[in-house]
C-alpha atoms as a PDB file:
ATOM      1  CA  UNK A   1      46.828  26.063  28.465  1.00  0.00           C
ATOM      2  CA  UNK A   2      46.578  23.743  25.498  1.00  0.00           C
ATOM      3  CA  UNK A   3      42.699  24.005  25.194  1.00  0.00           C
ATOM      4  CA  UNK A   4      43.078  28.259  25.697  1.00  0.00           C
ATOM      5  CA  UNK A   5      45.786  27.758  22.549  1.00  0.00           C
ATOM      6  CA  UNK A   6      42.947  26.160  20.406  1.00  0.00           C
ATOM      7  CA  UNK A   7      40.392  28.863  21.331  1.00  0.00           C
ATOM      8  CA  UNK A   8      38.900  26.993  23.875  1.00  0.00           C
ATOM      9  CA  UNK A   9      37.800  29.231  26.388  1.00  0.00           C
ATOM     10  CA  UNK A  10      34.374  27.755  28.659  1.00  0.00           C
ATOM     11  CA  UNK A  11      36.411  25.494  32.374  1.00  0.00           C
ATOM     12  CA  UNK A  12      33.713  23.028  31.266  1.00  0.00           C
ATOM     13  CA  UNK A  13      35.377  22.053  27.222  1.00  0.00           C
ATOM     14  CA  UNK A  14      38.533  22.479  28.597  1.00  0.00           C
ATOM     15  CA  UNK A  15      37.915  19.870  31.530  1.00  0.00           C
ATOM     16  CA  UNK A  16      36.616  17.050  28.579  1.00  0.00           C
ATOM     17  CA  UNK A  17      39.956  18.504  25.901  1.00  0.00           C
ATOM     18  CA  UNK A  18      42.326  18.133  28.050  1.00  0.00           C
ATOM     19  CA  UNK A  19      40.811  14.446  28.945  1.00  0.00           C
ATOM     20  CA  UNK A  20      40.593  13.485  25.414  1.00  0.00           C
ATOM     21  CA  UNK A  21      44.432  14.785  25.017  1.00  0.00           C
ATOM     22  CA  UNK A  22      45.727  13.286  29.226  1.00  0.00           C
ATOM     23  CA  UNK A  23      47.883  10.788  26.927  1.00  0.00           C
ATOM     24  CA  UNK A  24      49.675  13.902  25.228  1.00  0.00           C
ATOM     25  CA  UNK A  25      49.735  15.842  28.278  1.00  0.00           C
ATOM     26  CA  UNK A  26      51.185  13.684  30.754  1.00  0.00           C
ATOM     27  CA  UNK A  27      53.757  11.981  28.436  1.00  0.00           C
ATOM     28  CA  UNK A  28      54.694  15.473  26.761  1.00  0.00           C
ATOM     29  CA  UNK A  29      54.580  17.328  30.333  1.00  0.00           C
ATOM     30  CA  UNK A  30      53.995  14.871  32.954  1.00  0.00           C
ATOM     31  CA  UNK A  31      50.252  16.095  33.962  1.00  0.00           C
ATOM     32  CA  UNK A  32      49.108  12.408  35.864  1.00  0.00           C
ATOM     33  CA  UNK A  33      46.286  13.927  36.533  1.00  0.00           C
ATOM     34  CA  UNK A  34      43.127  15.973  34.149  1.00  0.00           C
ATOM     35  CA  UNK A  35      41.880  18.683  37.151  1.00  0.00           C
ATOM     36  CA  UNK A  36      38.143  18.523  37.402  1.00  0.00           C
ATOM     37  CA  UNK A  37      35.771  22.254  36.530  1.00  0.00           C
ATOM     38  CA  UNK A  38      36.039  23.558  39.894  1.00  0.00           C
ATOM     39  CA  UNK A  39      38.948  22.489  40.187  1.00  0.00           C
ATOM     40  CA  UNK A  40      40.241  24.290  37.393  1.00  0.00           C
ATOM     41  CA  UNK A  41      38.363  27.759  37.699  1.00  0.00           C
ATOM     42  CA  UNK A  42      39.220  27.907  41.553  1.00  0.00           C
ATOM     43  CA  UNK A  43      42.920  27.799  40.341  1.00  0.00           C
ATOM     44  CA  UNK A  44      42.386  29.653  37.286  1.00  0.00           C
ATOM     45  CA  UNK A  45      40.910  32.223  39.294  1.00  0.00           C
ATOM     46  CA  UNK A  46      44.058  32.992  40.763  1.00  0.00           C
ATOM     47  CA  UNK A  47      46.349  33.414  37.268  1.00  0.00           C
ATOM     48  CA  UNK A  48      47.251  36.783  36.629  1.00  0.00           C
ATOM     49  CA  UNK A  49      46.029  36.409  32.999  1.00  0.00           C
ATOM     50  CA  UNK A  50      48.226  39.283  31.751  1.00  0.00           C
ATOM     51  CA  UNK A  51      51.162  37.911  33.124  1.00  0.00           C
ATOM     52  CA  UNK A  52      50.439  34.308  31.810  1.00  0.00           C
ATOM     53  CA  UNK A  53      50.135  36.187  27.992  1.00  0.00           C
ATOM     54  CA  UNK A  54      53.036  38.418  28.661  1.00  0.00           C
ATOM     55  CA  UNK A  55      55.109  34.951  29.881  1.00  0.00           C
ATOM     56  CA  UNK A  56      53.933  33.373  26.419  1.00  0.00           C
ATOM     57  CA  UNK A  57      54.595  36.230  24.644  1.00  0.00           C
ATOM     58  CA  UNK A  58      58.492  35.971  25.610  1.00  0.00           C
ATOM     59  CA  UNK A  59      58.723  31.711  24.971  1.00  0.00           C
ATOM     60  CA  UNK A  60      57.722  31.918  21.217  1.00  0.00           C
ATOM     61  CA  UNK A  61      59.801  35.287  21.403  1.00  0.00           C
ATOM     62  CA  UNK A  62      62.691  33.746  22.533  1.00  0.00           C
ATOM     63  CA  UNK A  63      61.990  30.099  21.194  1.00  0.00           C
ATOM     64  CA  UNK A  64      60.118  30.269  17.917  1.00  0.00           C
ATOM     65  CA  UNK A  65      61.062  32.752  14.056  1.00  0.00           C
ATOM     66  CA  UNK A  66      57.912  33.499  13.060  1.00  0.00           C
ATOM     67  CA  UNK A  67      53.503  32.343  13.519  1.00  0.00           C
ATOM     68  CA  UNK A  68      51.743  30.636  10.437  1.00  0.00           C
ATOM     69  CA  UNK A  69      48.310  32.474  10.410  1.00  0.00           C
ATOM     70  CA  UNK A  70      45.905  33.019   8.167  1.00  0.00           C
ATOM     71  CA  UNK A  71      48.347  31.608   5.169  1.00  0.00           C
ATOM     72  CA  UNK A  72      50.681  34.536   6.453  1.00  0.00           C
ATOM     73  CA  UNK A  73      54.264  34.191   7.785  1.00  0.00           C
ATOM     74  CA  UNK A  74      54.254  35.881  10.677  1.00  0.00           C
ATOM     75  CA  UNK A  75      58.004  37.058  12.006  1.00  0.00           C
ATOM     76  CA  UNK A  76      58.802  38.119  16.059  1.00  0.00           C
ATOM     77  CA  UNK A  77      60.784  40.776  16.422  1.00  0.00           C
ATOM     78  CA  UNK A  78      62.360  41.875  18.890  1.00  0.00           C
END
């Protein structure tokens, strides 16, 4: 998810990103091992991307007052 939120959208690039951030991912989320490209592909093919997007927006609306985008501060209204 961190890689995708960073704008990375190719499986190989996601795996590379996650390997580079392995220490952070372990400390922040308890992730012990980075999945391979085929495993990541299999997992993501089972996920409803629209539902995940809705959940992320809900979490952001509940926990983040706003977001800086291109130098502008956008406030969430619920």
